[in-house]
Amino acid sequence: MSELRHNDNMNYFASRSAPTWTVPKPRENHAPSRLRPLEIPLPSLPKRYEQGDGPPPLAPLSMIVKNDSTARILDKRVMRGPPKNDEISLQLYYVVGWSDLPAARVAIQAQQIHEYVSPRELEDFEYKLYLER
């Protein structure tokens, strides 16, 4: 019996008649609508590329970072910072000197080192420290 019910459920939609479709009739009181041509402007094709068209060539690419400062990193130190929550805090500092001012030296926090030395100088210094290990 359950097998019959299962088959009945499967044929439920198949046993229904196909829907009937109706086409709306035009209204009798209204004048027939005028069809207006629809214009879609298409841009003309761009001119063909010729050698030398376009922007000027780019400067050659280089993997070497620009060294635009006389500042040099002399040392890297961890020093005491301001206490936080009554605990000692340690901060990383770089000792910076200048090649044209040999007596001038200053300790700079690691977060502000790019304000004093070029990225290339920092990269070279860190690479030398890595090789020493």
Protein backbone atom coordinates (compact mmCIF):
# COMPACT_ATOMS: atom_id res chain seq x y z
CA MET A 1 0.00 0.00 0.00
CA SER A 2 2.79 2.38 0.84
CA GLU A 3 4.27 1.64 -2.55
CA LEU A 4 1.12 2.85 -4.26
CA ARG A 5 1.09 6.07 -2.31
CA HIS A 6 4.66 6.72 -3.27
CA ASN A 7 3.85 6.30 -6.96
CA ASP A 8 0.77 8.48 -6.61
CA ASN A 9 2.87 11.29 -5.16
CA MET A 10 5.36 11.03 -7.95
CA ASN A 11 2.68 11.32 -10.61
CA TYR A 12 0.85 14.15 -8.90
CA PHE A 13 2.44 16.89 -11.01
CA ALA A 14 2.46 14.81 -14.17
CA SER A 15 -1.28 14.22 -13.96
CA ARG A 16 -2.14 17.92 -13.94
CA SER A 17 -3.13 19.52 -17.19
CA ALA A 18 -0.78 21.91 -18.93
CA PRO A 19 -1.37 25.59 -18.11
CA THR A 20 -3.18 27.69 -20.64
CA TRP A 21 -1.57 30.85 -21.84
CA THR A 22 -3.53 33.89 -22.87
CA VAL A 23 -2.41 36.81 -24.95
CA PRO A 24 -3.62 40.21 -23.73
CA LYS A 25 -5.90 41.97 -26.16
CA PRO A 26 -5.22 45.59 -27.13
CA ARG A 27 -7.44 48.15 -25.49
CA GLU A 28 -10.16 49.50 -27.69
CA ASN A 29 -10.24 53.07 -26.28
CA HIS A 30 -6.55 53.85 -26.79
CA ALA A 31 -4.85 54.83 -30.00
CA PRO A 32 -2.23 52.38 -31.23
CA SER A 33 1.17 53.16 -29.77
CA ARG A 34 3.83 54.50 -32.08
CA LEU A 35 7.09 52.73 -32.09
CA ARG A 36 10.02 55.09 -32.01
CA PRO A 37 13.37 53.98 -33.33
CA LEU A 38 15.89 53.42 -30.56
CA GLU A 39 19.31 54.80 -31.40
CA ILE A 40 22.36 53.42 -29.64
CA PRO A 41 25.48 55.40 -30.49
CA LEU A 42 28.49 53.15 -30.92
CA PRO A 43 31.93 54.68 -30.56
CA SER A 44 34.15 54.33 -33.54
CA LEU A 45 37.07 51.97 -33.34
CA PRO A 46 40.22 53.42 -31.79
CA LYS A 47 43.09 54.09 -34.13
CA ARG A 48 45.57 51.30 -34.58
CA TYR A 49 48.64 51.26 -32.36
CA GLU A 50 51.86 52.34 -33.99
CA GLN A 51 55.28 51.96 -32.47
CA GLY A 52 56.17 55.03 -30.43
CA ASP A 53 52.57 55.92 -29.54
CA GLY A 54 51.72 56.18 -25.88
CA PRO A 55 53.58 57.46 -22.84
CA PRO A 56 57.35 57.83 -22.74
CA PRO A 57 59.28 54.72 -21.71
CA LEU A 58 59.71 54.07 -18.01
CA ALA A 59 63.01 54.36 -16.19
CA PRO A 60 64.87 51.07 -15.89
CA LEU A 61 63.80 48.97 -12.91
CA SER A 62 66.29 48.22 -10.18
CA MET A 63 66.13 46.01 -7.12
CA ILE A 64 68.61 48.24 -5.30
CA VAL A 65 66.96 50.64 -2.89
CA LYS A 66 67.98 54.28 -3.19
CA ASN A 67 70.53 55.53 -0.65
CA ASP A 68 69.72 59.24 -0.32
CA SER A 69 71.12 60.19 3.09
CA THR A 70 74.51 60.55 4.78
CA ALA A 71 73.09 59.03 7.99
CA ARG A 72 74.51 55.65 9.00
CA ILE A 73 73.33 53.17 11.61
CA LEU A 74 76.18 52.50 14.01
CA ASP A 75 74.56 50.17 16.53
CA LYS A 76 71.35 48.53 17.66
CA ARG A 77 70.43 48.62 21.34
CA VAL A 78 67.58 47.57 23.60
CA MET A 79 67.10 50.23 26.27
CA ARG A 80 64.65 50.97 29.01
CA GLY A 81 61.49 52.78 27.96
CA PRO A 82 58.77 54.49 29.96
CA PRO A 83 57.12 52.14 32.48
CA LYS A 84 53.76 50.65 31.49
CA ASN A 85 51.38 49.53 34.25
CA ASP A 86 54.20 49.80 36.81
CA GLU A 87 56.31 47.33 34.82
CA ILE A 88 59.61 47.92 33.08
CA SER A 89 59.29 48.21 29.32
CA LEU A 90 62.11 47.64 26.86
CA GLN A 91 62.35 49.40 23.52
CA LEU A 92 64.56 48.91 20.49
CA TYR A 93 66.80 51.86 19.55
CA TYR A 94 69.25 52.43 16.72
CA VAL A 95 72.34 54.59 17.24
CA VAL A 96 72.60 56.86 14.19
CA GLY A 97 75.59 58.91 13.08
CA TRP A 98 76.34 60.99 9.98
CA SER A 99 79.34 60.56 7.70
CA ASP A 100 79.71 64.33 7.22
CA LEU A 101 79.28 65.01 11.00
CA PRO A 102 81.39 62.33 12.74
CA ALA A 103 80.81 63.68 16.29
CA ALA A 104 77.02 63.74 16.00
CA ARG A 105 75.21 60.66 17.25
CA VAL A 106 71.66 60.10 18.40
CA ALA A 107 69.58 57.15 19.65
CA ILE A 108 66.41 56.73 17.59
CA GLN A 109 63.45 54.48 18.36
CA ALA A 110 63.00 51.71 15.83
CA GLN A 111 59.59 53.06 14.81
CA GLN A 112 61.11 56.37 13.61
CA ILE A 113 64.31 55.06 12.00
CA HIS A 114 63.05 55.72 8.45
CA GLU A 115 62.87 59.43 9.28
CA TYR A 116 66.67 59.47 9.74
CA VAL A 117 68.19 56.85 7.44
CA SER A 118 67.35 55.53 4.00
CA PRO A 119 65.65 52.15 3.65
CA ARG A 120 68.79 50.83 1.96
CA GLU A 121 70.96 51.74 4.96
CA LEU A 122 68.59 49.95 7.33
CA GLU A 123 68.51 46.88 5.09
CA ASP A 124 72.31 46.80 4.78
CA PHE A 125 72.76 47.16 8.56
CA GLU A 126 70.28 44.37 9.36
CA TYR A 127 71.89 42.12 6.72
CA LYS A 128 75.35 42.65 8.26
CA LEU A 129 73.96 41.75 11.70
CA TYR A 130 72.42 38.61 10.21
CA LEU A 131 75.76 37.56 8.69
CA GLU A 132 77.54 38.03 12.05
CA ARG A 133 75.34 35.42 13.73
